[in-house]
């Protein structure tokens, strides 16, 4: 029995003419839509959801995190909010 697939997004891509030709030929041989064939091929080629979750977890564990003491100041705050310059007045002193 054929599984009914529901798609909620479109994937636009450019394929080489060789890949495009083979994809169309395989879809003809299997008598299925190219979208279904792509779904099958990509599903086999890509890591599982669990594998990806594990890779993301390992990435999070190995990504260096700067401490607050060594982090650069935020943009627009000068020297982390400390100023040594004296403010100038627009009005001359009287």
PDB file of N, CA and C in Angstrom:
ATOM      1  N   UNK A   1       0.845  -1.184   0.000  1.00  0.00           N
ATOM      2  CA  UNK A   1       0.000   0.000   0.000  1.00  0.00           C
ATOM      3  C   UNK A   1       0.886   1.242   0.000  1.00  0.00           C
ATOM      4  N   UNK A   2       0.508   2.257  -0.750  1.00  0.00           N
ATOM      5  CA  UNK A   2       1.285   3.470  -0.879  1.00  0.00           C
ATOM      6  C   UNK A   2       0.976   4.425   0.261  1.00  0.00           C
ATOM      7  N   UNK A   3       2.029   4.972   0.844  1.00  0.00           N
ATOM      8  CA  UNK A   3       1.876   5.935   1.929  1.00  0.00           C
ATOM      9  C   UNK A   3       1.535   7.298   1.350  1.00  0.00           C
ATOM     10  N   UNK A   4       0.549   7.961   1.934  1.00  0.00           N
ATOM     11  CA  UNK A   4       0.197   9.310   1.510  1.00  0.00           C
ATOM     12  C   UNK A   4       1.076  10.282   2.268  1.00  0.00           C
ATOM     13  N   UNK A   5       1.735  11.154   1.526  1.00  0.00           N
ATOM     14  CA  UNK A   5       2.640  12.105   2.151  1.00  0.00           C
ATOM     15  C   UNK A   5       2.047  13.497   2.097  1.00  0.00           C
ATOM     16  N   UNK A   6       2.232  14.233   3.165  1.00  0.00           N
ATOM     17  CA  UNK A   6       1.777  15.607   3.241  1.00  0.00           C
ATOM     18  C   UNK A   6       3.000  16.503   3.306  1.00  0.00           C
ATOM     19  N   UNK A   7       3.048  17.486   2.440  1.00  0.00           N
ATOM     20  CA  UNK A   7       4.176  18.409   2.400  1.00  0.00           C
ATOM     21  C   UNK A   7       3.708  19.782   2.837  1.00  0.00           C
ATOM     22  N   UNK A   8       4.505  20.438   3.671  1.00  0.00           N
ATOM     23  CA  UNK A   8       4.122  21.758   4.138  1.00  0.00           C
ATOM     24  C   UNK A   8       5.151  22.820   3.765  1.00  0.00           C
ATOM     25  N   UNK A   9       6.146  22.462   2.968  1.00  0.00           N
ATOM     26  CA  UNK A   9       7.160  23.429   2.545  1.00  0.00           C
ATOM     27  C   UNK A   9       7.700  23.033   1.185  1.00  0.00           C
ATOM     28  N   UNK A  10       8.186  24.020   0.459  1.00  0.00           N
ATOM     29  CA  UNK A  10       8.806  23.748  -0.837  1.00  0.00           C
ATOM     30  C   UNK A  10      10.298  23.950  -0.711  1.00  0.00           C
ATOM     31  N   UNK A  11      11.026  23.091  -1.367  1.00  0.00           N
ATOM     32  CA  UNK A  11      12.469  23.199  -1.395  1.00  0.00           C
ATOM     33  C   UNK A  11      12.883  23.518  -2.820  1.00  0.00           C
ATOM     34  N   UNK A  12      13.414  24.693  -3.014  1.00  0.00           N
ATOM     35  CA  UNK A  12      13.869  25.088  -4.344  1.00  0.00           C
ATOM     36  C   UNK A  12      15.373  24.853  -4.405  1.00  0.00           C
ATOM     37  N   UNK A  13      15.819  24.177  -5.448  1.00  0.00           N
ATOM     38  CA  UNK A  13      17.236  23.890  -5.583  1.00  0.00           C
ATOM     39  C   UNK A  13      17.618  23.822  -7.047  1.00  0.00           C
ATOM     40  N   UNK A  14      18.888  23.928  -7.305  1.00  0.00           N
ATOM     41  CA  UNK A  14      19.393  23.784  -8.660  1.00  0.00           C
ATOM     42  C   UNK A  14      20.172  22.478  -8.711  1.00  0.00           C
ATOM     43  N   UNK A  15      19.882  21.682  -9.699  1.00  0.00           N
ATOM     44  CA  UNK A  15      20.557  20.406  -9.886  1.00  0.00           C
ATOM     45  C   UNK A  15      21.368  20.459 -11.163  1.00  0.00           C
ATOM     46  N   UNK A  16      22.445  19.702 -11.186  1.00  0.00           N
ATOM     47  CA  UNK A  16      23.177  19.584 -12.443  1.00  0.00           C
ATOM     48  C   UNK A  16      22.306  18.817 -13.420  1.00  0.00           C
ATOM     49  N   UNK A  17      22.554  18.982 -14.688  1.00  0.00           N
ATOM     50  CA  UNK A  17      21.720  18.307 -15.691  1.00  0.00           C
ATOM     51  C   UNK A  17      21.830  16.788 -15.560  1.00  0.00           C
ATOM     52  N   UNK A  18      22.991  16.294 -15.180  1.00  0.00           N
ATOM     53  CA  UNK A  18      23.171  14.854 -15.005  1.00  0.00           C
ATOM     54  C   UNK A  18      22.294  14.311 -13.870  1.00  0.00           C
ATOM     55  N   UNK A  19      22.313  15.008 -12.732  1.00  0.00           N
ATOM     56  CA  UNK A  19      21.497  14.582 -11.591  1.00  0.00           C
ATOM     57  C   UNK A  19      20.020  14.709 -11.928  1.00  0.00           C
ATOM     58  N   UNK A  20      19.641  15.795 -12.580  1.00  0.00           N
ATOM     59  CA  UNK A  20      18.249  16.000 -12.964  1.00  0.00           C
ATOM     60  C   UNK A  20      17.762  14.868 -13.873  1.00  0.00           C
ATOM     61  N   UNK A  21      18.586  14.501 -14.857  1.00  0.00           N
ATOM     62  CA  UNK A  21      18.216  13.433 -15.794  1.00  0.00           C
ATOM     63  C   UNK A  21      18.046  12.108 -15.077  1.00  0.00           C
ATOM     64  N   UNK A  22      19.010  11.774 -14.204  1.00  0.00           N
ATOM     65  CA  UNK A  22      18.913  10.500 -13.476  1.00  0.00           C
ATOM     66  C   UNK A  22      17.728  10.480 -12.533  1.00  0.00           C
ATOM     67  N   UNK A  23      17.451  11.612 -11.903  1.00  0.00           N
ATOM     68  CA  UNK A  23      16.303  11.705 -11.005  1.00  0.00           C
ATOM     69  C   UNK A  23      14.996  11.469 -11.766  1.00  0.00           C
ATOM     70  N   UNK A  24      14.857  12.095 -12.911  1.00  0.00           N
ATOM     71  CA  UNK A  24      13.644  11.930 -13.722  1.00  0.00           C
ATOM     72  C   UNK A  24      13.512  10.497 -14.246  1.00  0.00           C
ATOM     73  N   UNK A  25      14.635   9.907 -14.654  1.00  0.00           N
ATOM     74  CA  UNK A  25      14.596   8.528 -15.148  1.00  0.00           C
ATOM     75  C   UNK A  25      14.202   7.561 -14.043  1.00  0.00           C
ATOM     76  N   UNK A  26      14.765   7.755 -12.854  1.00  0.00           N
ATOM     77  CA  UNK A  26      14.412   6.874 -11.737  1.00  0.00           C
ATOM     78  C   UNK A  26      12.948   7.034 -11.347  1.00  0.00           C
ATOM     79  N   UNK A  27      12.450   8.269 -11.379  1.00  0.00           N
ATOM     80  CA  UNK A  27      11.031   8.493 -11.076  1.00  0.00           C
ATOM     81  C   UNK A  27      10.148   7.786 -12.096  1.00  0.00           C
ATOM     82  N   UNK A  28      10.549   7.791 -13.375  1.00  0.00           N
ATOM     83  CA  UNK A  28       9.784   7.072 -14.401  1.00  0.00           C
ATOM     84  C   UNK A  28       9.817   5.567 -14.150  1.00  0.00           C
ATOM     85  N   UNK A  29      10.998   5.040 -13.846  1.00  0.00           N
ATOM     86  CA  UNK A  29      11.118   3.606 -13.597  1.00  0.00           C
ATOM     87  C   UNK A  29      10.305   3.157 -12.389  1.00  0.00           C
ATOM     88  N   UNK A  30      10.303   3.968 -11.355  1.00  0.00           N
ATOM     89  CA  UNK A  30       9.556   3.623 -10.135  1.00  0.00           C
ATOM     90  C   UNK A  30       8.097   4.059 -10.204  1.00  0.00           C
ATOM     91  N   UNK A  31       7.754   4.793 -11.234  1.00  0.00           N
ATOM     92  CA  UNK A  31       6.385   5.301 -11.412  1.00  0.00           C
ATOM     93  C   UNK A  31       5.903   6.076 -10.190  1.00  0.00           C
ATOM     94  N   UNK A  32       6.745   7.032  -9.817  1.00  0.00           N
ATOM     95  CA  UNK A  32       6.382   7.875  -8.673  1.00  0.00           C
ATOM     96  C   UNK A  32       6.743   9.317  -8.984  1.00  0.00           C
ATOM     97  N   UNK A  33       6.220  10.207  -8.195  1.00  0.00           N
ATOM     98  CA  UNK A  33       6.520  11.626  -8.365  1.00  0.00           C
ATOM     99  C   UNK A  33       7.961  11.909  -7.947  1.00  0.00           C
ATOM    100  N   UNK A  34       8.543  12.909  -8.590  1.00  0.00           N
ATOM    101  CA  UNK A  34       9.911  13.293  -8.244  1.00  0.00           C
ATOM    102  C   UNK A  34       9.979  13.722  -6.777  1.00  0.00           C
ATOM    103  N   UNK A  35       8.979  14.415  -6.294  1.00  0.00           N
ATOM    104  CA  UNK A  35       8.992  14.865  -4.901  1.00  0.00           C
ATOM    105  C   UNK A  35       9.043  13.687  -3.934  1.00  0.00           C
ATOM    106  N   UNK A  36       8.334  12.610  -4.263  1.00  0.00           N
ATOM    107  CA  UNK A  36       8.353  11.424  -3.397  1.00  0.00           C
ATOM    108  C   UNK A  36       9.711  10.739  -3.468  1.00  0.00           C
ATOM    109  N   UNK A  37      10.274  10.707  -4.657  1.00  0.00           N
ATOM    110  CA  UNK A  37      11.584  10.103  -4.831  1.00  0.00           C
ATOM    111  C   UNK A  37      12.654  10.905  -4.074  1.00  0.00           C
ATOM    112  N   UNK A  38      12.599  12.218  -4.187  1.00  0.00           N
ATOM    113  CA  UNK A  38      13.537  13.061  -3.451  1.00  0.00           C
ATOM    114  C   UNK A  38      13.397  12.860  -1.943  1.00  0.00           C
ATOM    115  N   UNK A  39      12.176  12.760  -1.471  1.00  0.00           N
ATOM    116  CA  UNK A  39      11.937  12.530  -0.051  1.00  0.00           C
ATOM    117  C   UNK A  39      12.606  11.228   0.389  1.00  0.00           C
ATOM    118  N   UNK A  40      12.446  10.191  -0.401  1.00  0.00           N
ATOM    119  CA  UNK A  40      13.026   8.880  -0.082  1.00  0.00           C
ATOM    120  C   UNK A  40      14.556   8.938  -0.093  1.00  0.00           C
ATOM    121  N   UNK A  41      15.117   9.531  -1.135  1.00  0.00           N
ATOM    122  CA  UNK A  41      16.572   9.600  -1.276  1.00  0.00           C
ATOM    123  C   UNK A  41      17.185  10.447  -0.161  1.00  0.00           C
ATOM    124  N   UNK A  42      16.596  11.599   0.110  1.00  0.00           N
ATOM    125  CA  UNK A  42      17.122  12.461   1.162  1.00  0.00           C
ATOM    126  C   UNK A  42      16.965  11.832   2.540  1.00  0.00           C
ATOM    127  N   UNK A  43      15.866  11.124   2.752  1.00  0.00           N
ATOM    128  CA  UNK A  43      15.647  10.452   4.031  1.00  0.00           C
ATOM    129  C   UNK A  43      16.734   9.414   4.278  1.00  0.00           C
ATOM    130  N   UNK A  44      17.147   8.711   3.229  1.00  0.00           N
ATOM    131  CA  UNK A  44      18.207   7.717   3.364  1.00  0.00           C
ATOM    132  C   UNK A  44      19.574   8.367   3.547  1.00  0.00           C
ATOM    133  N   UNK A  45      19.785   9.509   2.926  1.00  0.00           N
ATOM    134  CA  UNK A  45      21.103  10.150   2.946  1.00  0.00           C
ATOM    135  C   UNK A  45      21.362  10.969   4.208  1.00  0.00           C
ATOM    136  N   UNK A  46      20.329  11.546   4.779  1.00  0.00           N
ATOM    137  CA  UNK A  46      20.500  12.445   5.924  1.00  0.00           C
ATOM    138  C   UNK A  46      20.553  11.681   7.237  1.00  0.00           C
ATOM    139  N   UNK A  47      21.238  12.240   8.246  1.00  0.00           N
ATOM    140  CA  UNK A  47      21.249  11.609   9.569  1.00  0.00           C
ATOM    141  C   UNK A  47      19.840  11.615  10.166  1.00  0.00           C
ATOM    142  N   UNK A  48      19.606  10.690  11.075  1.00  0.00           N
ATOM    143  CA  UNK A  48      18.307  10.631  11.740  1.00  0.00           C
ATOM    144  C   UNK A  48      18.165  11.818  12.687  1.00  0.00           C
ATOM    145  N   UNK A  49      16.959  12.054  13.146  1.00  0.00           N
ATOM    146  CA  UNK A  49      16.698  13.127  14.096  1.00  0.00           C
ATOM    147  C   UNK A  49      17.507  12.923  15.372  1.00  0.00           C
ATOM    148  N   UNK A  50      17.592  11.666  15.825  1.00  0.00           N
ATOM    149  CA  UNK A  50      18.368  11.360  17.033  1.00  0.00           C
ATOM    150  C   UNK A  50      19.854  11.633  16.815  1.00  0.00           C
ATOM    151  N   UNK A  51      20.373  11.269  15.647  1.00  0.00           N
ATOM    152  CA  UNK A  51      21.779  11.537  15.346  1.00  0.00           C
ATOM    153  C   UNK A  51      22.058  13.037  15.331  1.00  0.00           C
ATOM    154  N   UNK A  52      21.176  13.803  14.713  1.00  0.00           N
ATOM    155  CA  UNK A  52      21.351  15.255  14.672  1.00  0.00           C
ATOM    156  C   UNK A  52      21.285  15.861  16.072  1.00  0.00           C
ATOM    157  N   UNK A  53      20.362  15.371  16.897  1.00  0.00           N
ATOM    158  CA  UNK A  53      20.250  15.874  18.269  1.00  0.00           C
ATOM    159  C   UNK A  53      21.542  15.601  19.033  1.00  0.00           C
ATOM    160  N   UNK A  54      22.118  14.431  18.839  1.00  0.00           N
ATOM    161  CA  UNK A  54      23.382  14.095  19.485  1.00  0.00           C
ATOM    162  C   UNK A  54      24.511  14.981  19.008  1.00  0.00           C
ATOM    163  N   UNK A  55      24.539  15.271  17.715  1.00  0.00           N
ATOM    164  CA  UNK A  55      25.580  16.143  17.173  1.00  0.00           C
ATOM    165  C   UNK A  55      25.449  17.561  17.717  1.00  0.00           C
ATOM    166  N   UNK A  56      24.198  18.046  17.823  1.00  0.00           N
ATOM    167  CA  UNK A  56      23.983  19.385  18.384  1.00  0.00           C
ATOM    168  C   UNK A  56      24.397  19.419  19.853  1.00  0.00           C
ATOM    169  N   UNK A  57      24.102  18.351  20.594  1.00  0.00           N
ATOM    170  CA  UNK A  57      24.476  18.295  22.009  1.00  0.00           C
ATOM    171  C   UNK A  57      25.999  18.318  22.151  1.00  0.00           C
ATOM    172  N   UNK A  58      26.695  17.556  21.313  1.00  0.00           N
ATOM    173  CA  UNK A  58      28.159  17.554  21.365  1.00  0.00           C
ATOM    174  C   UNK A  58      28.713  18.924  20.982  1.00  0.00           C
ATOM    175  N   UNK A  59      28.103  19.561  20.003  1.00  0.00           N
ATOM    176  CA  UNK A  59      28.542  20.891  19.593  1.00  0.00           C
ATOM    177  C   UNK A  59      28.375  21.888  20.740  1.00  0.00           C
ATOM    178  N   UNK A  60      27.265  21.814  21.435  1.00  0.00           N
ATOM    179  CA  UNK A  60      27.009  22.717  22.557  1.00  0.00           C
ATOM    180  C   UNK A  60      28.012  22.480  23.682  1.00  0.00           C
ATOM    181  N   UNK A  61      28.424  21.234  23.883  1.00  0.00           N
ATOM    182  CA  UNK A  61      29.388  20.921  24.939  1.00  0.00           C
ATOM    183  C   UNK A  61      30.794  21.371  24.593  1.00  0.00           C
ATOM    184  N   UNK A  62      31.130  21.454  23.310  1.00  0.00           N
ATOM    185  CA  UNK A  62      32.493  21.790  22.916  1.00  0.00           C
ATOM    186  C   UNK A  62      32.654  23.243  22.483  1.00  0.00           C
ATOM    187  N   UNK A  63      31.568  23.984  22.367  1.00  0.00           N
ATOM    188  CA  UNK A  63      31.653  25.385  21.955  1.00  0.00           C
ATOM    189  C   UNK A  63      32.155  26.218  23.125  1.00  0.00           C
ATOM    190  N   UNK A  64      33.293  26.917  22.947  1.00  0.00           N
ATOM    191  CA  UNK A  64      33.792  27.744  24.046  1.00  0.00           C
ATOM    192  C   UNK A  64      32.844  28.905  24.331  1.00  0.00           C
ATOM    193  N   UNK A  65      32.625  29.143  25.581  1.00  0.00           N
ATOM    194  CA  UNK A  65      31.745  30.236  25.987  1.00  0.00           C
ATOM    195  C   UNK A  65      32.588  31.278  26.709  1.00  0.00           C
ATOM    196  N   UNK A  66      32.591  32.525  26.233  1.00  0.00           N
ATOM    197  CA  UNK A  66      33.397  33.543  26.912  1.00  0.00           C
ATOM    198  C   UNK A  66      32.786  33.877  28.267  1.00  0.00           C
ATOM    199  N   UNK A  67      33.662  34.102  29.240  1.00  0.00           N
ATOM    200  CA  UNK A  67      33.156  34.498  30.550  1.00  0.00           C
ATOM    201  C   UNK A  67      32.794  35.970  30.498  1.00  0.00           C
ATOM    202  N   UNK A  68      31.996  36.411  31.421  1.00  0.00           N
ATOM    203  CA  UNK A  68      31.585  37.811  31.444  1.00  0.00           C
ATOM    204  C   UNK A  68      32.771  38.725  31.711  1.00  0.00           C
ATOM    205  N   UNK A  69      33.774  38.246  32.439  1.00  0.00           N
ATOM    206  CA  UNK A  69      34.925  39.077  32.756  1.00  0.00           C
ATOM    207  C   UNK A  69      35.783  39.360  31.527  1.00  0.00           C
ATOM    208  N   UNK A  70      35.815  38.428  30.580  1.00  0.00           N
ATOM    209  CA  UNK A  70      36.666  38.615  29.404  1.00  0.00           C
ATOM    210  C   UNK A  70      35.882  39.013  28.167  1.00  0.00           C
ATOM    211  N   UNK A  71      34.583  39.119  28.290  1.00  0.00           N
ATOM    212  CA  UNK A  71      33.768  39.471  27.138  1.00  0.00           C
ATOM    213  C   UNK A  71      33.983  40.933  26.780  1.00  0.00           C
ATOM    214  N   UNK A  72      34.030  41.256  25.479  1.00  0.00           N
ATOM    215  CA  UNK A  72      34.196  42.654  25.087  1.00  0.00           C
ATOM    216  C   UNK A  72      32.955  43.457  25.447  1.00  0.00           C
ATOM    217  N   UNK A  73      33.099  44.773  25.612  1.00  0.00           N
ATOM    218  CA  UNK A  73      31.933  45.596  25.952  1.00  0.00           C
ATOM    219  C   UNK A  73      30.933  45.602  24.806  1.00  0.00           C
ATOM    220  N   UNK A  74      29.692  45.824  25.155  1.00  0.00           N
ATOM    221  CA  UNK A  74      28.648  45.900  24.149  1.00  0.00           C
ATOM    222  C   UNK A  74      28.855  47.131  23.286  1.00  0.00           C
ATOM    223  N   UNK A  75      28.413  47.060  22.067  1.00  0.00           N
ATOM    224  CA  UNK A  75      28.563  48.187  21.144  1.00  0.00           C
ATOM    225  C   UNK A  75      27.810  49.392  21.674  1.00  0.00           C
ATOM    226  N   UNK A  76      28.457  50.548  21.593  1.00  0.00           N
ATOM    227  CA  UNK A  76      27.801  51.789  21.999  1.00  0.00           C
ATOM    228  C   UNK A  76      27.932  52.106  23.467  1.00  0.00           C
ATOM    229  N   UNK A  77      28.633  51.258  24.243  1.00  0.00           N
ATOM    230  CA  UNK A  77      28.749  51.537  25.666  1.00  0.00           C
ATOM    231  C   UNK A  77      30.112  52.109  26.027  1.00  0.00           C
ATOM    232  N   UNK A  78      30.956  52.371  25.035  1.00  0.00           N
ATOM    233  CA  UNK A  78      32.275  52.917  25.347  1.00  0.00           C
ATOM    234  C   UNK A  78      33.115  51.884  26.046  1.00  0.00           C
ATOM    235  N   UNK A  79      33.700  52.255  27.155  1.00  0.00           N
ATOM    236  CA  UNK A  79      34.513  51.333  27.946  1.00  0.00           C
ATOM    237  C   UNK A  79      33.653  50.697  29.020  1.00  0.00           C
ATOM    238  N   UNK A  80      32.730  49.901  28.588  1.00  0.00           N
ATOM    239  CA  UNK A  80      31.841  49.167  29.483  1.00  0.00           C
ATOM    240  C   UNK A  80      31.133  50.077  30.478  1.00  0.00           C
ATOM    241  N   UNK A  81      30.780  51.279  30.026  1.00  0.00           N
ATOM    242  CA  UNK A  81      29.989  52.170  30.872  1.00  0.00           C
ATOM    243  C   UNK A  81      30.805  53.093  31.747  1.00  0.00           C
ATOM    244  N   UNK A  82      32.139  52.965  31.750  1.00  0.00           N
ATOM    245  CA  UNK A  82      32.945  53.858  32.572  1.00  0.00           C
ATOM    246  C   UNK A  82      33.486  54.974  31.703  1.00  0.00           C
ATOM    247  N   UNK A  83      33.379  56.197  32.179  1.00  0.00           N
ATOM    248  CA  UNK A  83      33.899  57.332  31.425  1.00  0.00           C
ATOM    249  C   UNK A  83      34.831  58.128  32.315  1.00  0.00           C
ATOM    250  N   UNK A  84      35.895  58.645  31.714  1.00  0.00           N
ATOM    251  CA  UNK A  84      36.824  59.481  32.470  1.00  0.00           C
ATOM    252  C   UNK A  84      36.832  60.902  31.947  1.00  0.00           C
ATOM    253  N   UNK A  85      36.225  61.146  30.811  1.00  0.00           N
ATOM    254  CA  UNK A  85      36.205  62.487  30.231  1.00  0.00           C
ATOM    255  C   UNK A  85      35.197  63.345  30.977  1.00  0.00           C
ATOM    256  N   UNK A  86      35.500  64.630  31.070  1.00  0.00           N
ATOM    257  CA  UNK A  86      34.554  65.548  31.700  1.00  0.00           C
ATOM    258  C   UNK A  86      33.556  66.013  30.671  1.00  0.00           C
ATOM    259  N   UNK A  87      32.311  66.064  31.025  1.00  0.00           N
ATOM    260  CA  UNK A  87      31.302  66.486  30.056  1.00  0.00           C
ATOM    261  C   UNK A  87      31.477  67.957  29.717  1.00  0.00           C
ATOM    262  N   UNK A  88      31.187  68.307  28.497  1.00  0.00           N
ATOM    263  CA  UNK A  88      31.263  69.696  28.060  1.00  0.00           C
ATOM    264  C   UNK A  88      29.880  70.286  28.027  1.00  0.00           C
ATOM    265  N   UNK A  89      29.788  71.550  28.311  1.00  0.00           N
ATOM    266  CA  UNK A  89      28.505  72.219  28.322  1.00  0.00           C
ATOM    267  C   UNK A  89      28.341  72.997  27.035  1.00  0.00           C
ATOM    268  N   UNK A  90      27.135  73.122  26.573  1.00  0.00           N
ATOM    269  CA  UNK A  90      26.864  73.929  25.385  1.00  0.00           C
ATOM    270  C   UNK A  90      26.826  75.415  25.709  1.00  0.00           C
ATOM    271  N   UNK A  91      26.641  75.728  26.974  1.00  0.00           N
ATOM    272  CA  UNK A  91      26.525  77.118  27.396  1.00  0.00           C
ATOM    273  C   UNK A  91      27.839  77.557  28.046  1.00  0.00           C
ATOM    274  N   UNK A  92      28.336  78.728  27.662  1.00  0.00           N
ATOM    275  CA  UNK A  92      29.579  79.210  28.290  1.00  0.00           C
ATOM    276  C   UNK A  92      29.363  79.491  29.784  1.00  0.00           C
ATOM    277  N   UNK A  93      30.407  79.299  30.535  1.00  0.00           N
ATOM    278  CA  UNK A  93      30.310  79.535  31.986  1.00  0.00           C
ATOM    279  C   UNK A  93      30.119  81.027  32.242  1.00  0.00           C
ATOM    280  N   UNK A  94      29.298  81.396  33.208  1.00  0.00           N
ATOM    281  CA  UNK A  94      29.038  82.805  33.532  1.00  0.00           C
ATOM    282  C   UNK A  94      29.649  83.182  34.842  1.00  0.00           C
TER     283      UNK A  94
END
